[in-house]
């Protein structure tokens, strides 16, 4: 069954249903993948978004080879992918020879990177976020490369505006975000050198029931934990919509590569979101701090023009999240740290 606004479930009962929903394609995704030929390889497939993005690619293009590449320190991820017809290759992307030995797939989605714990070993953060992209960009100079980045490459902008546009120069706080600028610059440099078509996929806050800004806020409201509203405004997008837009970018690459902002089109107040969850849970949220006039926010007008509006809207995401959290369903235990303003993760 294709994904449309009319086929969305009222609730997501369990992880299996969640995975199936995240892997359900839209007709627009199928049509865009029909415009590009060849196998699809996903580098760094074992992260938070990678498995279901790979599953979505296979569901949208079942006749294609979809190849997932990672170290696979968790063997269950490999088994999950293989059960869905996705080929897997064990590879340490810090190993240049191992990258060179990979199949030269014409379509690359680069998802490797390091965020959580980035401050614990900054040299490794820079190696993963800047050195590995340089290796990949050279090894796949003849492919299309959609490279996952982050809206955190931008400086803070006024919450009263529309958010950062792709024309705004990156100038972020903190070494993690600076290393993400390094990742973009490596792909940009080698794209210009070799004429490699691509996109720099600047994603802000994908929402999965097991993690994300809404999960963080809802969990704190339910537990009566304080919620700091200093970084008081966010935008976010359903992970399935984000994955679909990443794959659709393969049909909308530019040479040289260029950025595209991906998130929800709305700028939402953390205070309002907390109060909405409070109303659903029957308890008042504990709010601390005072909203700052700036935040990390992106203008997604370009993505909306290319892809249309996300299938899953904010109201649906809030309802799903409230139901999931209220039933004490599983969490990945990885807070987004959306409230951090100094760039230290």
C-alpha atoms as a PDB file:
ATOM      1  CA  UNK A   1       0.000   0.000   0.000  1.00  0.00           C
ATOM      2  CA  UNK A   2       1.305   3.430  -0.960  1.00  0.00           C
ATOM      3  CA  UNK A   3       1.693   6.120   1.679  1.00  0.00           C
ATOM      4  CA  UNK A   4      -0.775   9.001   1.459  1.00  0.00           C
ATOM      5  CA  UNK A   5      -2.347  11.333   3.991  1.00  0.00           C
ATOM      6  CA  UNK A   6      -5.483   9.190   3.770  1.00  0.00           C
ATOM      7  CA  UNK A   7      -3.715   5.918   4.642  1.00  0.00           C
ATOM      8  CA  UNK A   8      -1.994   7.119   7.836  1.00  0.00           C
ATOM      9  CA  UNK A   9      -2.886   5.074  10.935  1.00  0.00           C
ATOM     10  CA  UNK A  10      -4.433   6.730  13.987  1.00  0.00           C
ATOM     11  CA  UNK A  11      -1.830   5.112  16.233  1.00  0.00           C
ATOM     12  CA  UNK A  12       1.379   3.119  15.771  1.00  0.00           C
ATOM     13  CA  UNK A  13       1.010  -0.003  17.916  1.00  0.00           C
ATOM     14  CA  UNK A  14       4.574  -1.321  18.027  1.00  0.00           C
ATOM     15  CA  UNK A  15       8.065  -1.220  16.505  1.00  0.00           C
ATOM     16  CA  UNK A  16       7.171  -3.584  13.667  1.00  0.00           C
ATOM     17  CA  UNK A  17       4.293  -1.307  12.635  1.00  0.00           C
ATOM     18  CA  UNK A  18       6.559   1.723  12.968  1.00  0.00           C
ATOM     19  CA  UNK A  19       9.204   0.178  10.717  1.00  0.00           C
ATOM     20  CA  UNK A  20       6.596  -0.805   8.135  1.00  0.00           C
ATOM     21  CA  UNK A  21       5.187   2.725   8.119  1.00  0.00           C
ATOM     22  CA  UNK A  22       8.657   4.286   7.726  1.00  0.00           C
ATOM     23  CA  UNK A  23       9.349   1.958   4.793  1.00  0.00           C
ATOM     24  CA  UNK A  24       6.110   2.684   2.929  1.00  0.00           C
ATOM     25  CA  UNK A  25       6.767   4.707  -0.261  1.00  0.00           C
ATOM     26  CA  UNK A  26       4.726   7.431  -1.890  1.00  0.00           C
ATOM     27  CA  UNK A  27       4.003   7.479  -5.604  1.00  0.00           C
ATOM     28  CA  UNK A  28       6.126  10.635  -5.877  1.00  0.00           C
ATOM     29  CA  UNK A  29       9.161   8.752  -4.513  1.00  0.00           C
ATOM     30  CA  UNK A  30       8.627   5.883  -6.942  1.00  0.00           C
ATOM     31  CA  UNK A  31       8.337   8.341  -9.827  1.00  0.00           C
ATOM     32  CA  UNK A  32      11.512  10.236  -8.888  1.00  0.00           C
ATOM     33  CA  UNK A  33      13.568   7.044  -8.480  1.00  0.00           C
ATOM     34  CA  UNK A  34      12.367   5.998 -11.943  1.00  0.00           C
ATOM     35  CA  UNK A  35      14.222   9.050 -13.274  1.00  0.00           C
ATOM     36  CA  UNK A  36      17.630   7.764 -12.114  1.00  0.00           C
ATOM     37  CA  UNK A  37      19.160   4.490 -13.184  1.00  0.00           C
ATOM     38  CA  UNK A  38      21.295   2.057 -11.262  1.00  0.00           C
ATOM     39  CA  UNK A  39      21.884   0.570  -7.851  1.00  0.00           C
ATOM     40  CA  UNK A  40      21.542   2.553  -4.632  1.00  0.00           C
ATOM     41  CA  UNK A  41      24.206   2.277  -1.946  1.00  0.00           C
ATOM     42  CA  UNK A  42      23.792   3.751   1.523  1.00  0.00           C
ATOM     43  CA  UNK A  43      27.004   4.465   3.416  1.00  0.00           C
ATOM     44  CA  UNK A  44      26.582   4.527   7.179  1.00  0.00           C
ATOM     45  CA  UNK A  45      23.327   2.580   6.956  1.00  0.00           C
ATOM     46  CA  UNK A  46      23.362   1.334  10.556  1.00  0.00           C
ATOM     47  CA  UNK A  47      22.551   4.675  12.219  1.00  0.00           C
ATOM     48  CA  UNK A  48      19.187   5.938  13.458  1.00  0.00           C
ATOM     49  CA  UNK A  49      17.666   6.664  10.048  1.00  0.00           C
ATOM     50  CA  UNK A  50      19.685   4.361   7.807  1.00  0.00           C
ATOM     51  CA  UNK A  51      17.834   1.041   8.113  1.00  0.00           C
ATOM     52  CA  UNK A  52      14.370   2.380   7.342  1.00  0.00           C
ATOM     53  CA  UNK A  53      15.736   4.660   4.590  1.00  0.00           C
ATOM     54  CA  UNK A  54      17.222   1.547   2.977  1.00  0.00           C
ATOM     55  CA  UNK A  55      13.947  -0.308   3.474  1.00  0.00           C
ATOM     56  CA  UNK A  56      12.069   2.588   1.904  1.00  0.00           C
ATOM     57  CA  UNK A  57      14.408   2.579  -1.109  1.00  0.00           C
ATOM     58  CA  UNK A  58      13.871  -1.161  -1.618  1.00  0.00           C
ATOM     59  CA  UNK A  59      10.102  -0.830  -1.290  1.00  0.00           C
ATOM     60  CA  UNK A  60      10.038   2.031  -3.809  1.00  0.00           C
ATOM     61  CA  UNK A  61      12.363   0.293  -6.285  1.00  0.00           C
ATOM     62  CA  UNK A  62      12.129  -3.465  -5.578  1.00  0.00           C
ATOM     63  CA  UNK A  63      13.926  -4.407  -8.800  1.00  0.00           C
ATOM     64  CA  UNK A  64      17.051  -2.427  -7.841  1.00  0.00           C
ATOM     65  CA  UNK A  65      20.015  -3.530  -5.805  1.00  0.00           C
ATOM     66  CA  UNK A  66      19.981  -1.600  -2.548  1.00  0.00           C
ATOM     67  CA  UNK A  67      23.240  -2.003  -0.660  1.00  0.00           C
ATOM     68  CA  UNK A  68      23.785  -1.010   2.961  1.00  0.00           C
ATOM     69  CA  UNK A  69      27.339  -0.342   4.134  1.00  0.00           C
ATOM     70  CA  UNK A  70      28.429  -0.021   7.775  1.00  0.00           C
ATOM     71  CA  UNK A  71      30.600  -1.635  10.426  1.00  0.00           C
ATOM     72  CA  UNK A  72      27.485  -3.394  11.770  1.00  0.00           C
ATOM     73  CA  UNK A  73      28.627  -3.549  15.365  1.00  0.00           C
ATOM     74  CA  UNK A  74      25.001  -4.485  16.090  1.00  0.00           C
ATOM     75  CA  UNK A  75      24.405  -7.663  14.056  1.00  0.00           C
ATOM     76  CA  UNK A  76      20.632  -7.333  14.413  1.00  0.00           C
ATOM     77  CA  UNK A  77      20.661  -4.335  12.053  1.00  0.00           C
ATOM     78  CA  UNK A  78      22.315  -6.439   9.344  1.00  0.00           C
ATOM     79  CA  UNK A  79      19.705  -9.178   9.806  1.00  0.00           C
ATOM     80  CA  UNK A  80      16.880  -6.604   9.667  1.00  0.00           C
ATOM     81  CA  UNK A  81      18.195  -5.263   6.355  1.00  0.00           C
ATOM     82  CA  UNK A  82      18.817  -8.661   4.803  1.00  0.00           C
ATOM     83  CA  UNK A  83      15.299  -9.800   5.701  1.00  0.00           C
ATOM     84  CA  UNK A  84      14.033  -6.947   3.512  1.00  0.00           C
ATOM     85  CA  UNK A  85      16.157  -7.881   0.517  1.00  0.00           C
ATOM     86  CA  UNK A  86      18.888  -5.317   1.134  1.00  0.00           C
ATOM     87  CA  UNK A  87      22.462  -6.432   0.549  1.00  0.00           C
ATOM     88  CA  UNK A  88      24.941  -5.634   3.304  1.00  0.00           C
ATOM     89  CA  UNK A  89      28.680  -4.999   3.261  1.00  0.00           C
ATOM     90  CA  UNK A  90      30.806  -4.670   6.385  1.00  0.00           C
ATOM     91  CA  UNK A  91      33.152  -1.723   5.987  1.00  0.00           C
ATOM     92  CA  UNK A  92      35.046   0.683   8.219  1.00  0.00           C
ATOM     93  CA  UNK A  93      34.738   3.982   6.363  1.00  0.00           C
ATOM     94  CA  UNK A  94      37.926   5.243   8.012  1.00  0.00           C
ATOM     95  CA  UNK A  95      39.760   2.608   5.939  1.00  0.00           C
ATOM     96  CA  UNK A  96      40.537   4.090   2.512  1.00  0.00           C
ATOM     97  CA  UNK A  97      41.306   0.696   0.949  1.00  0.00           C
ATOM     98  CA  UNK A  98      37.981  -0.679   2.172  1.00  0.00           C
ATOM     99  CA  UNK A  99      36.120   2.271   0.603  1.00  0.00           C
ATOM    100  CA  UNK A 100      37.944   1.770  -2.695  1.00  0.00           C
ATOM    101  CA  UNK A 101      36.894  -1.905  -2.703  1.00  0.00           C
ATOM    102  CA  UNK A 102      33.168  -1.087  -2.482  1.00  0.00           C
ATOM    103  CA  UNK A 103      30.979  -1.527  -5.591  1.00  0.00           C
ATOM    104  CA  UNK A 104      30.853   1.636  -7.662  1.00  0.00           C
ATOM    105  CA  UNK A 105      27.127   2.167  -7.355  1.00  0.00           C
ATOM    106  CA  UNK A 106      25.837   5.100  -9.419  1.00  0.00           C
ATOM    107  CA  UNK A 107      23.627   6.357  -6.578  1.00  0.00           C
ATOM    108  CA  UNK A 108      25.141   7.053  -3.162  1.00  0.00           C
ATOM    109  CA  UNK A 109      23.357   8.205  -0.008  1.00  0.00           C
ATOM    110  CA  UNK A 110      26.017   9.196   2.502  1.00  0.00           C
ATOM    111  CA  UNK A 111      24.747   8.970   6.091  1.00  0.00           C
ATOM    112  CA  UNK A 112      27.952   8.340   8.040  1.00  0.00           C
ATOM    113  CA  UNK A 113      28.923  10.803  10.740  1.00  0.00           C
ATOM    114  CA  UNK A 114      29.385  11.400  14.419  1.00  0.00           C
ATOM    115  CA  UNK A 115      27.267  13.553  16.695  1.00  0.00           C
ATOM    116  CA  UNK A 116      26.381  11.889  19.992  1.00  0.00           C
ATOM    117  CA  UNK A 117      29.434  12.084  22.220  1.00  0.00           C
ATOM    118  CA  UNK A 118      31.171  14.361  19.734  1.00  0.00           C
ATOM    119  CA  UNK A 119      32.804  16.350  22.525  1.00  0.00           C
ATOM    120  CA  UNK A 120      34.311  13.185  23.986  1.00  0.00           C
ATOM    121  CA  UNK A 121      36.777  12.691  21.126  1.00  0.00           C
ATOM    122  CA  UNK A 122      36.859  15.705  18.848  1.00  0.00           C
ATOM    123  CA  UNK A 123      39.610  14.285  16.647  1.00  0.00           C
ATOM    124  CA  UNK A 124      37.394  11.288  15.832  1.00  0.00           C
ATOM    125  CA  UNK A 125      34.466  13.633  15.218  1.00  0.00           C
ATOM    126  CA  UNK A 126      36.509  15.557  12.650  1.00  0.00           C
ATOM    127  CA  UNK A 127      37.826  12.341  11.085  1.00  0.00           C
ATOM    128  CA  UNK A 128      34.318  10.957  10.616  1.00  0.00           C
ATOM    129  CA  UNK A 129      32.704  14.233   9.582  1.00  0.00           C
ATOM    130  CA  UNK A 130      35.411  15.654   7.287  1.00  0.00           C
ATOM    131  CA  UNK A 131      38.102  13.059   6.471  1.00  0.00           C
ATOM    132  CA  UNK A 132      35.691  10.236   5.564  1.00  0.00           C
ATOM    133  CA  UNK A 133      33.665  12.488   3.225  1.00  0.00           C
ATOM    134  CA  UNK A 134      36.881  13.374   1.373  1.00  0.00           C
ATOM    135  CA  UNK A 135      37.655   9.675   0.896  1.00  0.00           C
ATOM    136  CA  UNK A 136      34.114   8.900  -0.257  1.00  0.00           C
ATOM    137  CA  UNK A 137      33.900  11.882  -2.605  1.00  0.00           C
ATOM    138  CA  UNK A 138      37.047  10.739  -4.396  1.00  0.00           C
ATOM    139  CA  UNK A 139      36.086   7.058  -4.525  1.00  0.00           C
ATOM    140  CA  UNK A 140      32.641   7.823  -5.967  1.00  0.00           C
ATOM    141  CA  UNK A 141      33.502  10.760  -8.196  1.00  0.00           C
ATOM    142  CA  UNK A 142      31.371   9.302 -11.017  1.00  0.00           C
ATOM    143  CA  UNK A 143      28.270   8.706  -8.863  1.00  0.00           C
ATOM    144  CA  UNK A 144      25.443  10.908  -7.688  1.00  0.00           C
ATOM    145  CA  UNK A 145      25.998  11.651  -3.990  1.00  0.00           C
ATOM    146  CA  UNK A 146      23.292  12.809  -1.608  1.00  0.00           C
ATOM    147  CA  UNK A 147      25.207  13.632   1.581  1.00  0.00           C
ATOM    148  CA  UNK A 148      23.386  13.996   4.883  1.00  0.00           C
ATOM    149  CA  UNK A 149      24.271  17.217   6.665  1.00  0.00           C
ATOM    150  CA  UNK A 150      22.482  19.267   9.321  1.00  0.00           C
ATOM    151  CA  UNK A 151      20.752  22.585   9.794  1.00  0.00           C
ATOM    152  CA  UNK A 152      23.274  23.142  12.589  1.00  0.00           C
ATOM    153  CA  UNK A 153      25.768  24.429  10.004  1.00  0.00           C
ATOM    154  CA  UNK A 154      23.877  27.737  10.109  1.00  0.00           C
ATOM    155  CA  UNK A 155      24.221  30.419  12.745  1.00  0.00           C
ATOM    156  CA  UNK A 156      21.277  31.121  15.007  1.00  0.00           C
ATOM    157  CA  UNK A 157      18.577  33.230  13.361  1.00  0.00           C
ATOM    158  CA  UNK A 158      15.647  35.273  14.650  1.00  0.00           C
ATOM    159  CA  UNK A 159      12.671  33.165  15.691  1.00  0.00           C
ATOM    160  CA  UNK A 160      10.354  35.788  14.233  1.00  0.00           C
ATOM    161  CA  UNK A 161      11.682  35.161  10.719  1.00  0.00           C
ATOM    162  CA  UNK A 162      11.320  32.290   8.267  1.00  0.00           C
ATOM    163  CA  UNK A 163      14.602  30.557   9.166  1.00  0.00           C
ATOM    164  CA  UNK A 164      17.929  30.214   7.388  1.00  0.00           C
ATOM    165  CA  UNK A 165      17.867  29.850   3.620  1.00  0.00           C
ATOM    166  CA  UNK A 166      20.381  27.835   1.619  1.00  0.00           C
ATOM    167  CA  UNK A 167      22.072  31.089   0.581  1.00  0.00           C
ATOM    168  CA  UNK A 168      23.088  31.902   4.162  1.00  0.00           C
ATOM    169  CA  UNK A 169      26.787  31.280   4.838  1.00  0.00           C
ATOM    170  CA  UNK A 170      27.500  28.574   7.429  1.00  0.00           C
ATOM    171  CA  UNK A 171      28.883  29.994  10.683  1.00  0.00           C
ATOM    172  CA  UNK A 172      27.873  27.718  13.568  1.00  0.00           C
ATOM    173  CA  UNK A 173      28.934  27.521  17.219  1.00  0.00           C
ATOM    174  CA  UNK A 174      30.776  24.457  18.484  1.00  0.00           C
ATOM    175  CA  UNK A 175      33.198  21.976  16.945  1.00  0.00           C
ATOM    176  CA  UNK A 176      30.558  19.392  16.082  1.00  0.00           C
ATOM    177  CA  UNK A 177      28.726  21.795  13.790  1.00  0.00           C
ATOM    178  CA  UNK A 178      32.031  23.128  12.448  1.00  0.00           C
ATOM    179  CA  UNK A 179      33.038  19.586  11.517  1.00  0.00           C
ATOM    180  CA  UNK A 180      29.730  19.284   9.646  1.00  0.00           C
ATOM    181  CA  UNK A 181      30.715  22.367   7.640  1.00  0.00           C
ATOM    182  CA  UNK A 182      33.963  20.500   6.959  1.00  0.00           C
ATOM    183  CA  UNK A 183      31.950  17.538   5.647  1.00  0.00           C
ATOM    184  CA  UNK A 184      30.046  19.791   3.263  1.00  0.00           C
ATOM    185  CA  UNK A 185      33.216  21.521   2.077  1.00  0.00           C
ATOM    186  CA  UNK A 186      34.869  18.195   1.234  1.00  0.00           C
ATOM    187  CA  UNK A 187      31.905  17.078  -0.871  1.00  0.00           C
ATOM    188  CA  UNK A 188      31.729  20.523  -2.462  1.00  0.00           C
ATOM    189  CA  UNK A 189      35.449  20.595  -3.282  1.00  0.00           C
ATOM    190  CA  UNK A 190      35.532  17.196  -4.953  1.00  0.00           C
ATOM    191  CA  UNK A 191      32.193  17.806  -6.671  1.00  0.00           C
ATOM    192  CA  UNK A 192      33.726  20.874  -8.292  1.00  0.00           C
ATOM    193  CA  UNK A 193      36.954  19.018  -9.105  1.00  0.00           C
ATOM    194  CA  UNK A 194      35.297  15.978 -10.696  1.00  0.00           C
ATOM    195  CA  UNK A 195      31.916  17.348 -11.774  1.00  0.00           C
ATOM    196  CA  UNK A 196      30.148  14.995  -9.349  1.00  0.00           C
ATOM    197  CA  UNK A 197      26.419  15.742  -9.089  1.00  0.00           C
ATOM    198  CA  UNK A 198      25.001  15.811  -5.599  1.00  0.00           C
ATOM    199  CA  UNK A 199      23.042  17.436  -2.825  1.00  0.00           C
ATOM    200  CA  UNK A 200      23.973  18.491   0.703  1.00  0.00           C
ATOM    201  CA  UNK A 201      20.966  17.377   2.733  1.00  0.00           C
ATOM    202  CA  UNK A 202      20.645  19.841   5.632  1.00  0.00           C
ATOM    203  CA  UNK A 203      18.209  18.028   7.883  1.00  0.00           C
ATOM    204  CA  UNK A 204      16.666  19.480  11.026  1.00  0.00           C
ATOM    205  CA  UNK A 205      15.291  17.023  13.545  1.00  0.00           C
ATOM    206  CA  UNK A 206      13.764  13.906  12.042  1.00  0.00           C
ATOM    207  CA  UNK A 207      10.939  12.512  14.181  1.00  0.00           C
ATOM    208  CA  UNK A 208      10.681   8.799  14.940  1.00  0.00           C
ATOM    209  CA  UNK A 209       8.545   7.551  17.802  1.00  0.00           C
ATOM    210  CA  UNK A 210      11.710   6.295  19.537  1.00  0.00           C
ATOM    211  CA  UNK A 211      13.586   9.607  19.491  1.00  0.00           C
ATOM    212  CA  UNK A 212      13.396  13.205  18.333  1.00  0.00           C
ATOM    213  CA  UNK A 213      12.398  16.606  19.661  1.00  0.00           C
ATOM    214  CA  UNK A 214       8.786  15.587  20.271  1.00  0.00           C
ATOM    215  CA  UNK A 215       9.863  12.408  22.069  1.00  0.00           C
ATOM    216  CA  UNK A 216      12.224  14.452  24.276  1.00  0.00           C
ATOM    217  CA  UNK A 217       9.539  16.985  25.192  1.00  0.00           C
ATOM    218  CA  UNK A 218       6.753  14.438  25.708  1.00  0.00           C
ATOM    219  CA  UNK A 219       8.916  12.225  27.904  1.00  0.00           C
ATOM    220  CA  UNK A 220       9.842  15.144  30.154  1.00  0.00           C
ATOM    221  CA  UNK A 221       6.250  16.333  30.433  1.00  0.00           C
ATOM    222  CA  UNK A 222       5.052  12.860  31.399  1.00  0.00           C
ATOM    223  CA  UNK A 223       7.838  12.469  33.972  1.00  0.00           C
ATOM    224  CA  UNK A 224       7.382  15.948  35.430  1.00  0.00           C
ATOM    225  CA  UNK A 225      10.978  16.798  34.489  1.00  0.00           C
ATOM    226  CA  UNK A 226      11.920  20.443  33.801  1.00  0.00           C
ATOM    227  CA  UNK A 227      11.990  21.618  30.194  1.00  0.00           C
ATOM    228  CA  UNK A 228      14.388  24.446  29.370  1.00  0.00           C
ATOM    229  CA  UNK A 229      12.750  26.790  26.862  1.00  0.00           C
ATOM    230  CA  UNK A 230      15.834  28.984  26.325  1.00  0.00           C
ATOM    231  CA  UNK A 231      16.195  27.542  22.838  1.00  0.00           C
ATOM    232  CA  UNK A 232      12.497  27.920  22.508  1.00  0.00           C
ATOM    233  CA  UNK A 233      11.678  27.294  18.857  1.00  0.00           C
ATOM    234  CA  UNK A 234      12.234  24.303  16.564  1.00  0.00           C
ATOM    235  CA  UNK A 235      11.227  22.808  13.276  1.00  0.00           C
ATOM    236  CA  UNK A 236      11.120  19.079  12.566  1.00  0.00           C
ATOM    237  CA  UNK A 237       9.880  16.484  10.078  1.00  0.00           C
ATOM    238  CA  UNK A 238       8.594  12.907  10.166  1.00  0.00           C
ATOM    239  CA  UNK A 239      11.515  10.567   9.525  1.00  0.00           C
ATOM    240  CA  UNK A 240       9.654   8.830   6.692  1.00  0.00           C
ATOM    241  CA  UNK A 241       9.190  12.155   4.895  1.00  0.00           C
ATOM    242  CA  UNK A 242      12.851  13.043   5.457  1.00  0.00           C
ATOM    243  CA  UNK A 243      14.010   9.679   4.083  1.00  0.00           C
ATOM    244  CA  UNK A 244      11.764  10.011   1.056  1.00  0.00           C
ATOM    245  CA  UNK A 245      13.105  13.489   0.313  1.00  0.00           C
ATOM    246  CA  UNK A 246      16.700  12.248   0.631  1.00  0.00           C
ATOM    247  CA  UNK A 247      16.065   9.498  -1.912  1.00  0.00           C
ATOM    248  CA  UNK A 248      14.156  11.876  -4.193  1.00  0.00           C
ATOM    249  CA  UNK A 249      17.190  14.184  -4.130  1.00  0.00           C
ATOM    250  CA  UNK A 250      18.936  11.604  -6.328  1.00  0.00           C
ATOM    251  CA  UNK A 251      16.702  12.880  -9.135  1.00  0.00           C
ATOM    252  CA  UNK A 252      17.388  16.518  -8.221  1.00  0.00           C
ATOM    253  CA  UNK A 253      21.183  16.621  -7.969  1.00  0.00           C
ATOM    254  CA  UNK A 254      23.236  19.570  -9.155  1.00  0.00           C
ATOM    255  CA  UNK A 255      26.823  19.828 -10.357  1.00  0.00           C
ATOM    256  CA  UNK A 256      28.507  21.174  -8.387  1.00  0.00           C
ATOM    257  CA  UNK A 257      26.616  19.873  -5.388  1.00  0.00           C
ATOM    258  CA  UNK A 258      24.359  22.315  -3.548  1.00  0.00           C
ATOM    259  CA  UNK A 259      22.536  22.465  -0.201  1.00  0.00           C
ATOM    260  CA  UNK A 260      18.875  21.850   0.435  1.00  0.00           C
ATOM    261  CA  UNK A 261      17.115  22.467   3.753  1.00  0.00           C
ATOM    262  CA  UNK A 262      14.843  19.652   4.919  1.00  0.00           C
ATOM    263  CA  UNK A 263      12.483  19.961   7.873  1.00  0.00           C
ATOM    264  CA  UNK A 264       8.911  20.900   8.616  1.00  0.00           C
ATOM    265  CA  UNK A 265       7.710  24.178   7.120  1.00  0.00           C
ATOM    266  CA  UNK A 266       6.457  25.437  10.504  1.00  0.00           C
ATOM    267  CA  UNK A 267       8.466  27.118  13.262  1.00  0.00           C
ATOM    268  CA  UNK A 268       7.058  25.789  16.518  1.00  0.00           C
ATOM    269  CA  UNK A 269       7.453  27.009  20.088  1.00  0.00           C
ATOM    270  CA  UNK A 270       8.770  24.455  22.589  1.00  0.00           C
ATOM    271  CA  UNK A 271       6.474  26.013  25.205  1.00  0.00           C
ATOM    272  CA  UNK A 272       3.403  25.372  23.035  1.00  0.00           C
ATOM    273  CA  UNK A 273       4.462  21.801  22.298  1.00  0.00           C
ATOM    274  CA  UNK A 274       5.000  21.100  26.003  1.00  0.00           C
ATOM    275  CA  UNK A 275       1.583  22.519  26.865  1.00  0.00           C
ATOM    276  CA  UNK A 276      -0.038  20.410  24.144  1.00  0.00           C
ATOM    277  CA  UNK A 277       1.508  17.252  25.607  1.00  0.00           C
ATOM    278  CA  UNK A 278       0.535  18.431  29.082  1.00  0.00           C
ATOM    279  CA  UNK A 279      -3.086  18.719  27.989  1.00  0.00           C
ATOM    280  CA  UNK A 280      -2.980  15.209  26.520  1.00  0.00           C
ATOM    281  CA  UNK A 281      -1.321  13.723  29.612  1.00  0.00           C
ATOM    282  CA  UNK A 282      -3.412  15.669  32.118  1.00  0.00           C
ATOM    283  CA  UNK A 283      -0.444  17.347  33.813  1.00  0.00           C
ATOM    284  CA  UNK A 284       1.130  20.776  33.602  1.00  0.00           C
ATOM    285  CA  UNK A 285       4.616  20.869  32.079  1.00  0.00           C
ATOM    286  CA  UNK A 286       7.492  22.181  34.198  1.00  0.00           C
ATOM    287  CA  UNK A 287       9.053  24.975  32.155  1.00  0.00           C
ATOM    288  CA  UNK A 288      12.303  26.744  33.013  1.00  0.00           C
ATOM    289  CA  UNK A 289      14.257  29.579  31.449  1.00  0.00           C
ATOM    290  CA  UNK A 290      13.120  32.260  29.051  1.00  0.00           C
ATOM    291  CA  UNK A 291      12.928  32.046  25.281  1.00  0.00           C
ATOM    292  CA  UNK A 292      15.910  33.539  23.501  1.00  0.00           C
ATOM    293  CA  UNK A 293      15.161  35.617  20.390  1.00  0.00           C
ATOM    294  CA  UNK A 294      17.235  33.293  18.172  1.00  0.00           C
ATOM    295  CA  UNK A 295      17.369  29.553  17.425  1.00  0.00           C
ATOM    296  CA  UNK A 296      18.542  27.021  14.847  1.00  0.00           C
ATOM    297  CA  UNK A 297      15.754  27.215  12.269  1.00  0.00           C
ATOM    298  CA  UNK A 298      15.650  26.582   8.538  1.00  0.00           C
ATOM    299  CA  UNK A 299      13.515  27.837   5.690  1.00  0.00           C
ATOM    300  CA  UNK A 300      12.392  24.794   3.678  1.00  0.00           C
ATOM    301  CA  UNK A 301      10.770  26.662   0.791  1.00  0.00           C
ATOM    302  CA  UNK A 302      13.112  25.066  -1.746  1.00  0.00           C
ATOM    303  CA  UNK A 303      12.271  21.532  -0.548  1.00  0.00           C
ATOM    304  CA  UNK A 304       8.540  22.283  -0.548  1.00  0.00           C
ATOM    305  CA  UNK A 305       8.824  23.548  -4.127  1.00  0.00           C
ATOM    306  CA  UNK A 306      10.636  20.366  -5.211  1.00  0.00           C
ATOM    307  CA  UNK A 307       8.794  17.766  -3.165  1.00  0.00           C
ATOM    308  CA  UNK A 308       5.555  19.305  -1.947  1.00  0.00           C
ATOM    309  CA  UNK A 309       4.431  19.329   1.673  1.00  0.00           C
ATOM    310  CA  UNK A 310       5.417  16.449   3.984  1.00  0.00           C
ATOM    311  CA  UNK A 311       2.819  13.691   4.117  1.00  0.00           C
ATOM    312  CA  UNK A 312       2.719  13.649   7.941  1.00  0.00           C
ATOM    313  CA  UNK A 313       1.809  16.963   9.566  1.00  0.00           C
ATOM    314  CA  UNK A 314       2.590  18.322  13.023  1.00  0.00           C
ATOM    315  CA  UNK A 315      -0.795  17.451  14.536  1.00  0.00           C
ATOM    316  CA  UNK A 316      -0.392  13.808  13.510  1.00  0.00           C
ATOM    317  CA  UNK A 317       3.163  13.668  14.857  1.00  0.00           C
ATOM    318  CA  UNK A 318       2.057  15.040  18.226  1.00  0.00           C
ATOM    319  CA  UNK A 319      -0.801  12.529  18.447  1.00  0.00           C
ATOM    320  CA  UNK A 320       1.432   9.574  17.547  1.00  0.00           C
ATOM    321  CA  UNK A 321       4.144  10.669  19.979  1.00  0.00           C
ATOM    322  CA  UNK A 322       1.754  11.243  22.870  1.00  0.00           C
ATOM    323  CA  UNK A 323       0.246   7.792  22.379  1.00  0.00           C
ATOM    324  CA  UNK A 324       3.676   6.106  22.079  1.00  0.00           C
ATOM    325  CA  UNK A 325       5.167   7.792  25.152  1.00  0.00           C
ATOM    326  CA  UNK A 326       2.040   7.295  27.269  1.00  0.00           C
ATOM    327  CA  UNK A 327       2.289   3.529  26.647  1.00  0.00           C
ATOM    328  CA  UNK A 328       5.977   3.502  27.721  1.00  0.00           C
ATOM    329  CA  UNK A 329       7.006   2.154  24.318  1.00  0.00           C
ATOM    330  CA  UNK A 330      10.719   1.748  23.506  1.00  0.00           C
ATOM    331  CA  UNK A 331      13.116   4.677  23.218  1.00  0.00           C
ATOM    332  CA  UNK A 332      16.545   4.708  21.615  1.00  0.00           C
ATOM    333  CA  UNK A 333      17.828   6.620  24.637  1.00  0.00           C
ATOM    334  CA  UNK A 334      19.459   9.231  22.406  1.00  0.00           C
ATOM    335  CA  UNK A 335      18.235  12.737  23.253  1.00  0.00           C
ATOM    336  CA  UNK A 336      18.469  15.215  20.395  1.00  0.00           C
ATOM    337  CA  UNK A 337      19.951  17.871  22.702  1.00  0.00           C
ATOM    338  CA  UNK A 338      17.911  20.381  20.712  1.00  0.00           C
ATOM    339  CA  UNK A 339      18.120  22.802  23.662  1.00  0.00           C
ATOM    340  CA  UNK A 340      21.930  23.091  23.503  1.00  0.00           C
ATOM    341  CA  UNK A 341      23.008  26.574  22.417  1.00  0.00           C
ATOM    342  CA  UNK A 342      26.795  26.331  22.659  1.00  0.00           C
ATOM    343  CA  UNK A 343      27.229  23.501  20.153  1.00  0.00           C
ATOM    344  CA  UNK A 344      28.657  21.068  22.723  1.00  0.00           C
ATOM    345  CA  UNK A 345      27.046  17.647  22.294  1.00  0.00           C
END
